[in-house]
Amino acid sequence: MSKNSDENQQFDLYNLEIIVKEINSNYTCSMNIGDKFFFRGGKISFTKNQGFCLYALQSTLPLLPAKQRKNNPNE
């Protein structure tokens, strides 16, 4: 059995800015190209007085942790 030290389990998290670049289909909420939100650490924030479509948001959430850090070469 190999030893796993805490040092090998640490990683840095990147801050992400998620921006709508294009809209290819019908959507149920008012969304525009350029709408965005920020993902910093484990927190989501929006620009002042701007929302983001809940359905678009929930489709991106599973991908964000993988984009927020460098992946292990074995992943």
PDB file of N, CA and C in Angstrom:
ATOM      1  N   MET A   1       0.850  -1.170   0.000  1.00  0.00           N
ATOM      2  CA  MET A   1       0.000   0.000   0.000  1.00  0.00           C
ATOM      3  C   MET A   1       0.895   1.233   0.000  1.00  0.00           C
ATOM      4  N   SER A   2       0.598   2.181  -0.867  1.00  0.00           N
ATOM      5  CA  SER A   2       1.423   3.381  -0.945  1.00  0.00           C
ATOM      6  C   SER A   2       0.922   4.447   0.011  1.00  0.00           C
ATOM      7  N   LYS A   3       1.841   5.279   0.451  1.00  0.00           N
ATOM      8  CA  LYS A   3       1.496   6.381   1.337  1.00  0.00           C
ATOM      9  C   LYS A   3       1.031   7.567   0.503  1.00  0.00           C
ATOM     10  N   ASN A   4      -0.044   8.204   0.928  1.00  0.00           N
ATOM     11  CA  ASN A   4      -0.499   9.451   0.315  1.00  0.00           C
ATOM     12  C   ASN A   4      -0.309  10.556   1.327  1.00  0.00           C
ATOM     13  N   SER A   5       0.613  11.464   1.038  1.00  0.00           N
ATOM     14  CA  SER A   5       0.820  12.576   1.962  1.00  0.00           C
ATOM     15  C   SER A   5      -0.153  13.702   1.628  1.00  0.00           C
ATOM     16  N   ASP A   6      -0.413  14.557   2.595  1.00  0.00           N
ATOM     17  CA  ASP A   6      -1.298  15.693   2.366  1.00  0.00           C
ATOM     18  C   ASP A   6      -0.742  16.626   1.303  1.00  0.00           C
ATOM     19  N   GLU A   7       0.583  16.701   1.194  1.00  0.00           N
ATOM     20  CA  GLU A   7       1.196  17.573   0.193  1.00  0.00           C
ATOM     21  C   GLU A   7       0.791  17.163  -1.209  1.00  0.00           C
ATOM     22  N   ASN A   8       0.674  15.879  -1.475  1.00  0.00           N
ATOM     23  CA  ASN A   8       0.302  15.398  -2.799  1.00  0.00           C
ATOM     24  C   ASN A   8      -1.175  15.612  -3.102  1.00  0.00           C
ATOM     25  N   GLN A   9      -1.968  15.882  -2.101  1.00  0.00           N
ATOM     26  CA  GLN A   9      -3.409  16.035  -2.276  1.00  0.00           C
ATOM     27  C   GLN A   9      -3.830  17.503  -2.406  1.00  0.00           C
ATOM     28  N   GLN A  10      -2.897  18.445  -2.376  1.00  0.00           N
ATOM     29  CA  GLN A  10      -3.233  19.862  -2.445  1.00  0.00           C
ATOM     30  C   GLN A  10      -3.212  20.345  -3.887  1.00  0.00           C
ATOM     31  N   PHE A  11      -4.043  21.350  -4.168  1.00  0.00           N
ATOM     32  CA  PHE A  11      -4.069  21.947  -5.490  1.00  0.00           C
ATOM     33  C   PHE A  11      -4.586  23.375  -5.384  1.00  0.00           C
ATOM     34  N   ASP A  12      -4.328  24.160  -6.398  1.00  0.00           N
ATOM     35  CA  ASP A  12      -4.803  25.539  -6.454  1.00  0.00           C
ATOM     36  C   ASP A  12      -6.098  25.594  -7.252  1.00  0.00           C
ATOM     37  N   LEU A  13      -6.998  26.469  -6.837  1.00  0.00           N
ATOM     38  CA  LEU A  13      -8.241  26.678  -7.570  1.00  0.00           C
ATOM     39  C   LEU A  13      -8.137  27.968  -8.378  1.00  0.00           C
ATOM     40  N   TYR A  14      -8.538  27.901  -9.625  1.00  0.00           N
ATOM     41  CA  TYR A  14      -8.567  29.079 -10.478  1.00  0.00           C
ATOM     42  C   TYR A  14      -9.917  29.769 -10.361  1.00  0.00           C
ATOM     43  N   ASN A  15      -9.926  31.083 -10.433  1.00  0.00           N
ATOM     44  CA  ASN A  15     -11.172  31.829 -10.539  1.00  0.00           C
ATOM     45  C   ASN A  15     -11.621  31.755 -11.986  1.00  0.00           C
ATOM     46  N   LEU A  16     -12.915  31.533 -12.196  1.00  0.00           N
ATOM     47  CA  LEU A  16     -13.446  31.403 -13.547  1.00  0.00           C
ATOM     48  C   LEU A  16     -14.452  32.504 -13.833  1.00  0.00           C
ATOM     49  N   GLU A  17     -14.472  32.956 -15.075  1.00  0.00           N
ATOM     50  CA  GLU A  17     -15.501  33.864 -15.563  1.00  0.00           C
ATOM     51  C   GLU A  17     -16.209  33.121 -16.695  1.00  0.00           C
ATOM     52  N   ILE A  18     -17.487  32.857 -16.533  1.00  0.00           N
ATOM     53  CA  ILE A  18     -18.252  32.095 -17.512  1.00  0.00           C
ATOM     54  C   ILE A  18     -19.118  33.093 -18.275  1.00  0.00           C
ATOM     55  N   ILE A  19     -18.927  33.129 -19.606  1.00  0.00           N
ATOM     56  CA  ILE A  19     -19.595  34.115 -20.463  1.00  0.00           C
ATOM     57  C   ILE A  19     -20.377  33.395 -21.554  1.00  0.00           C
ATOM     58  N   VAL A  20     -21.594  33.870 -21.828  1.00  0.00           N
ATOM     59  CA  VAL A  20     -22.394  33.338 -22.932  1.00  0.00           C
ATOM     60  C   VAL A  20     -21.774  33.853 -24.231  1.00  0.00           C
ATOM     61  N   LYS A  21     -21.268  32.938 -25.064  1.00  0.00           N
ATOM     62  CA  LYS A  21     -20.629  33.301 -26.330  1.00  0.00           C
ATOM     63  C   LYS A  21     -21.601  33.199 -27.502  1.00  0.00           C
ATOM     64  N   GLU A  22     -22.496  32.221 -27.452  1.00  0.00           N
ATOM     65  CA  GLU A  22     -23.490  32.071 -28.508  1.00  0.00           C
ATOM     66  C   GLU A  22     -24.698  31.329 -27.981  1.00  0.00           C
ATOM     67  N   ILE A  23     -25.823  31.514 -28.639  1.00  0.00           N
ATOM     68  CA  ILE A  23     -27.068  30.839 -28.274  1.00  0.00           C
ATOM     69  C   ILE A  23     -27.551  30.126 -29.529  1.00  0.00           C
ATOM     70  N   ASN A  24     -27.624  28.782 -29.479  1.00  0.00           N
ATOM     71  CA  ASN A  24     -27.925  27.988 -30.661  1.00  0.00           C
ATOM     72  C   ASN A  24     -29.343  27.455 -30.730  1.00  0.00           C
ATOM     73  N   SER A  25     -30.143  27.678 -29.723  1.00  0.00           N
ATOM     74  CA  SER A  25     -31.486  27.106 -29.740  1.00  0.00           C
ATOM     75  C   SER A  25     -32.443  28.003 -28.972  1.00  0.00           C
ATOM     76  N   ASN A  26     -33.673  27.569 -28.891  1.00  0.00           N
ATOM     77  CA  ASN A  26     -34.662  28.305 -28.115  1.00  0.00           C
ATOM     78  C   ASN A  26     -34.316  28.192 -26.639  1.00  0.00           C
ATOM     79  N   TYR A  27     -34.657  29.186 -25.886  1.00  0.00           N
ATOM     80  CA  TYR A  27     -34.409  29.164 -24.454  1.00  0.00           C
ATOM     81  C   TYR A  27     -35.613  29.761 -23.746  1.00  0.00           C
ATOM     82  N   THR A  28     -35.768  29.408 -22.493  1.00  0.00           N
ATOM     83  CA  THR A  28     -36.973  29.790 -21.766  1.00  0.00           C
ATOM     84  C   THR A  28     -36.820  31.055 -20.937  1.00  0.00           C
ATOM     85  N   CYS A  29     -35.623  31.537 -20.795  1.00  0.00           N
ATOM     86  CA  CYS A  29     -35.450  32.757 -20.016  1.00  0.00           C
ATOM     87  C   CYS A  29     -34.657  33.762 -20.841  1.00  0.00           C
ATOM     88  N   SER A  30     -34.774  34.976 -20.442  1.00  0.00           N
ATOM     89  CA  SER A  30     -34.130  36.053 -21.193  1.00  0.00           C
ATOM     90  C   SER A  30     -32.626  35.995 -20.955  1.00  0.00           C
ATOM     91  N   MET A  31     -31.898  35.592 -21.976  1.00  0.00           N
ATOM     92  CA  MET A  31     -30.449  35.496 -21.911  1.00  0.00           C
ATOM     93  C   MET A  31     -29.867  36.185 -23.126  1.00  0.00           C
ATOM     94  N   ASN A  32     -28.728  36.801 -22.957  1.00  0.00           N
ATOM     95  CA  ASN A  32     -28.088  37.514 -24.057  1.00  0.00           C
ATOM     96  C   ASN A  32     -26.622  37.117 -24.154  1.00  0.00           C
ATOM     97  N   ILE A  33     -26.092  37.229 -25.354  1.00  0.00           N
ATOM     98  CA  ILE A  33     -24.658  37.024 -25.527  1.00  0.00           C
ATOM     99  C   ILE A  33     -23.946  38.074 -24.680  1.00  0.00           C
ATOM    100  N   GLY A  34     -22.946  37.635 -23.940  1.00  0.00           N
ATOM    101  CA  GLY A  34     -22.217  38.524 -23.044  1.00  0.00           C
ATOM    102  C   GLY A  34     -22.633  38.399 -21.588  1.00  0.00           C
ATOM    103  N   ASP A  35     -23.797  37.772 -21.329  1.00  0.00           N
ATOM    104  CA  ASP A  35     -24.171  37.520 -19.933  1.00  0.00           C
ATOM    105  C   ASP A  35     -23.089  36.661 -19.293  1.00  0.00           C
ATOM    106  N   LYS A  36     -22.843  36.871 -18.019  1.00  0.00           N
ATOM    107  CA  LYS A  36     -21.757  36.118 -17.383  1.00  0.00           C
ATOM    108  C   LYS A  36     -21.986  35.967 -15.894  1.00  0.00           C
ATOM    109  N   PHE A  37     -21.227  35.034 -15.320  1.00  0.00           N
ATOM    110  CA  PHE A  37     -21.132  34.903 -13.874  1.00  0.00           C
ATOM    111  C   PHE A  37     -19.724  34.496 -13.535  1.00  0.00           C
ATOM    112  N   PHE A  38     -19.389  34.589 -12.257  1.00  0.00           N
ATOM    113  CA  PHE A  38     -18.039  34.297 -11.793  1.00  0.00           C
ATOM    114  C   PHE A  38     -18.081  33.143 -10.798  1.00  0.00           C
ATOM    115  N   PHE A  39     -17.067  32.320 -10.846  1.00  0.00           N
ATOM    116  CA  PHE A  39     -16.935  31.190  -9.927  1.00  0.00           C
ATOM    117  C   PHE A  39     -15.584  31.346  -9.249  1.00  0.00           C
ATOM    118  N   ARG A  40     -15.618  31.706  -7.969  1.00  0.00           N
ATOM    119  CA  ARG A  40     -14.384  31.936  -7.199  1.00  0.00           C
ATOM    120  C   ARG A  40     -14.409  31.034  -5.983  1.00  0.00           C
ATOM    121  N   GLY A  41     -13.430  30.147  -5.906  1.00  0.00           N
ATOM    122  CA  GLY A  41     -13.446  29.156  -4.834  1.00  0.00           C
ATOM    123  C   GLY A  41     -14.678  28.291  -5.001  1.00  0.00           C
ATOM    124  N   GLY A  42     -15.538  28.272  -4.029  1.00  0.00           N
ATOM    125  CA  GLY A  42     -16.781  27.532  -4.141  1.00  0.00           C
ATOM    126  C   GLY A  42     -17.990  28.443  -4.237  1.00  0.00           C
ATOM    127  N   LYS A  43     -17.770  29.712  -4.583  1.00  0.00           N
ATOM    128  CA  LYS A  43     -18.865  30.682  -4.596  1.00  0.00           C
ATOM    129  C   LYS A  43     -19.152  31.180  -6.005  1.00  0.00           C
ATOM    130  N   ILE A  44     -20.438  31.359  -6.292  1.00  0.00           N
ATOM    131  CA  ILE A  44     -20.880  31.931  -7.557  1.00  0.00           C
ATOM    132  C   ILE A  44     -21.298  33.370  -7.296  1.00  0.00           C
ATOM    133  N   SER A  45     -20.882  34.277  -8.177  1.00  0.00           N
ATOM    134  CA  SER A  45     -21.333  35.661  -8.061  1.00  0.00           C
ATOM    135  C   SER A  45     -21.692  36.189  -9.444  1.00  0.00           C
ATOM    136  N   PHE A  46     -22.535  37.188  -9.437  1.00  0.00           N
ATOM    137  CA  PHE A  46     -23.029  37.792 -10.665  1.00  0.00           C
ATOM    138  C   PHE A  46     -22.665  39.266 -10.664  1.00  0.00           C
ATOM    139  N   THR A  47     -22.631  39.863 -11.853  1.00  0.00           N
ATOM    140  CA  THR A  47     -22.402  41.298 -11.915  1.00  0.00           C
ATOM    141  C   THR A  47     -23.635  42.007 -11.371  1.00  0.00           C
ATOM    142  N   LYS A  48     -23.475  43.216 -10.966  1.00  0.00           N
ATOM    143  CA  LYS A  48     -24.568  43.974 -10.346  1.00  0.00           C
ATOM    144  C   LYS A  48     -25.756  44.070 -11.310  1.00  0.00           C
ATOM    145  N   ASN A  49     -26.940  43.801 -10.779  1.00  0.00           N
ATOM    146  CA  ASN A  49     -28.198  43.886 -11.526  1.00  0.00           C
ATOM    147  C   ASN A  49     -28.270  42.941 -12.722  1.00  0.00           C
ATOM    148  N   GLN A  50     -27.508  41.873 -12.712  1.00  0.00           N
ATOM    149  CA  GLN A  50     -27.580  40.900 -13.804  1.00  0.00           C
ATOM    150  C   GLN A  50     -27.826  39.519 -13.233  1.00  0.00           C
ATOM    151  N   GLY A  51     -28.745  38.809 -13.824  1.00  0.00           N
ATOM    152  CA  GLY A  51     -29.000  37.435 -13.443  1.00  0.00           C
ATOM    153  C   GLY A  51     -28.413  36.502 -14.489  1.00  0.00           C
ATOM    154  N   PHE A  52     -28.719  35.240 -14.348  1.00  0.00           N
ATOM    155  CA  PHE A  52     -28.245  34.239 -15.298  1.00  0.00           C
ATOM    156  C   PHE A  52     -29.285  33.137 -15.331  1.00  0.00           C
ATOM    157  N   CYS A  53     -29.599  32.645 -16.489  1.00  0.00           N
ATOM    158  CA  CYS A  53     -30.631  31.626 -16.653  1.00  0.00           C
ATOM    159  C   CYS A  53     -30.330  30.401 -15.787  1.00  0.00           C
ATOM    160  N   LEU A  54     -31.269  30.017 -14.950  1.00  0.00           N
ATOM    161  CA  LEU A  54     -31.085  28.885 -14.046  1.00  0.00           C
ATOM    162  C   LEU A  54     -30.788  27.598 -14.811  1.00  0.00           C
ATOM    163  N   TYR A  55     -31.437  27.383 -15.937  1.00  0.00           N
ATOM    164  CA  TYR A  55     -31.247  26.143 -16.701  1.00  0.00           C
ATOM    165  C   TYR A  55     -29.852  26.096 -17.340  1.00  0.00           C
ATOM    166  N   ALA A  56     -29.389  27.225 -17.811  1.00  0.00           N
ATOM    167  CA  ALA A  56     -28.028  27.284 -18.347  1.00  0.00           C
ATOM    168  C   ALA A  56     -27.014  27.111 -17.221  1.00  0.00           C
ATOM    169  N   LEU A  57     -27.297  27.714 -16.080  1.00  0.00           N
ATOM    170  CA  LEU A  57     -26.403  27.598 -14.928  1.00  0.00           C
ATOM    171  C   LEU A  57     -26.278  26.152 -14.479  1.00  0.00           C
ATOM    172  N   GLN A  58     -27.408  25.465 -14.348  1.00  0.00           N
ATOM    173  CA  GLN A  58     -27.335  24.086 -13.856  1.00  0.00           C
ATOM    174  C   GLN A  58     -26.651  23.159 -14.852  1.00  0.00           C
ATOM    175  N   SER A  59     -26.649  23.494 -16.124  1.00  0.00           N
ATOM    176  CA  SER A  59     -25.951  22.649 -17.088  1.00  0.00           C
ATOM    177  C   SER A  59     -24.443  22.838 -17.026  1.00  0.00           C
ATOM    178  N   THR A  60     -23.980  23.986 -16.535  1.00  0.00           N
ATOM    179  CA  THR A  60     -22.544  24.223 -16.445  1.00  0.00           C
ATOM    180  C   THR A  60     -21.936  23.776 -15.116  1.00  0.00           C
ATOM    181  N   LEU A  61     -22.748  23.719 -14.072  1.00  0.00           N
ATOM    182  CA  LEU A  61     -22.216  23.433 -12.734  1.00  0.00           C
ATOM    183  C   LEU A  61     -21.378  22.158 -12.637  1.00  0.00           C
ATOM    184  N   PRO A  62     -21.765  21.038 -13.246  1.00  0.00           N
ATOM    185  CA  PRO A  62     -20.926  19.836 -13.106  1.00  0.00           C
ATOM    186  C   PRO A  62     -19.535  19.983 -13.726  1.00  0.00           C
ATOM    187  N   LEU A  63     -19.374  20.899 -14.673  1.00  0.00           N
ATOM    188  CA  LEU A  63     -18.092  21.063 -15.364  1.00  0.00           C
ATOM    189  C   LEU A  63     -17.121  21.990 -14.642  1.00  0.00           C
ATOM    190  N   LEU A  64     -17.634  22.875 -13.809  1.00  0.00           N
ATOM    191  CA  LEU A  64     -16.796  23.919 -13.224  1.00  0.00           C
ATOM    192  C   LEU A  64     -15.660  23.409 -12.337  1.00  0.00           C
ATOM    193  N   PRO A  65     -15.881  22.441 -11.449  1.00  0.00           N
ATOM    194  CA  PRO A  65     -14.750  21.980 -10.624  1.00  0.00           C
ATOM    195  C   PRO A  65     -13.588  21.429 -11.449  1.00  0.00           C
ATOM    196  N   ALA A  66     -13.875  20.797 -12.575  1.00  0.00           N
ATOM    197  CA  ALA A  66     -12.801  20.266 -13.413  1.00  0.00           C
ATOM    198  C   ALA A  66     -12.027  21.380 -14.116  1.00  0.00           C
ATOM    199  N   LYS A  67     -12.692  22.482 -14.428  1.00  0.00           N
ATOM    200  CA  LYS A  67     -12.023  23.604 -15.081  1.00  0.00           C
ATOM    201  C   LYS A  67     -11.321  24.514 -14.082  1.00  0.00           C
ATOM    202  N   GLN A  68     -11.613  24.338 -12.818  1.00  0.00           N
ATOM    203  CA  GLN A  68     -11.100  25.231 -11.789  1.00  0.00           C
ATOM    204  C   GLN A  68      -9.710  24.838 -11.294  1.00  0.00           C
ATOM    205  N   ARG A  69      -9.229  23.691 -11.706  1.00  0.00           N
ATOM    206  CA  ARG A  69      -7.909  23.244 -11.236  1.00  0.00           C
ATOM    207  C   ARG A  69      -7.228  22.424 -12.309  1.00  0.00           C
ATOM    208  N   LYS A  70      -5.934  22.244 -12.158  1.00  0.00           N
ATOM    209  CA  LYS A  70      -5.204  21.349 -13.051  1.00  0.00           C
ATOM    210  C   LYS A  70      -5.577  19.922 -12.660  1.00  0.00           C
ATOM    211  N   ASN A  71      -5.870  19.117 -13.641  1.00  0.00           N
ATOM    212  CA  ASN A  71      -6.213  17.729 -13.375  1.00  0.00           C
ATOM    213  C   ASN A  71      -4.966  16.888 -13.143  1.00  0.00           C
ATOM    214  N   ASN A  72      -5.130  15.853 -12.354  1.00  0.00           N
ATOM    215  CA  ASN A  72      -4.080  14.882 -12.152  1.00  0.00           C
ATOM    216  C   ASN A  72      -3.860  14.158 -13.477  1.00  0.00           C
ATOM    217  N   PRO A  73      -2.620  13.880 -13.846  1.00  0.00           N
ATOM    218  CA  PRO A  73      -2.364  13.168 -15.123  1.00  0.00           C
ATOM    219  C   PRO A  73      -3.074  11.813 -15.212  1.00  0.00           C
ATOM    220  N   ASN A  74      -3.423  11.233 -14.073  1.00  0.00           N
ATOM    221  CA  ASN A  74      -4.103   9.939 -14.086  1.00  0.00           C
ATOM    222  C   ASN A  74      -5.615  10.065 -14.240  1.00  0.00           C
ATOM    223  N   GLU A  75      -6.136  11.293 -14.242  1.00  0.00           N
ATOM    224  CA  GLU A  75      -7.578  11.500 -14.396  1.00  0.00           C
ATOM    225  C   GLU A  75      -7.967  11.523 -15.845  1.00  0.00           C
TER     226      GLU A  75
END
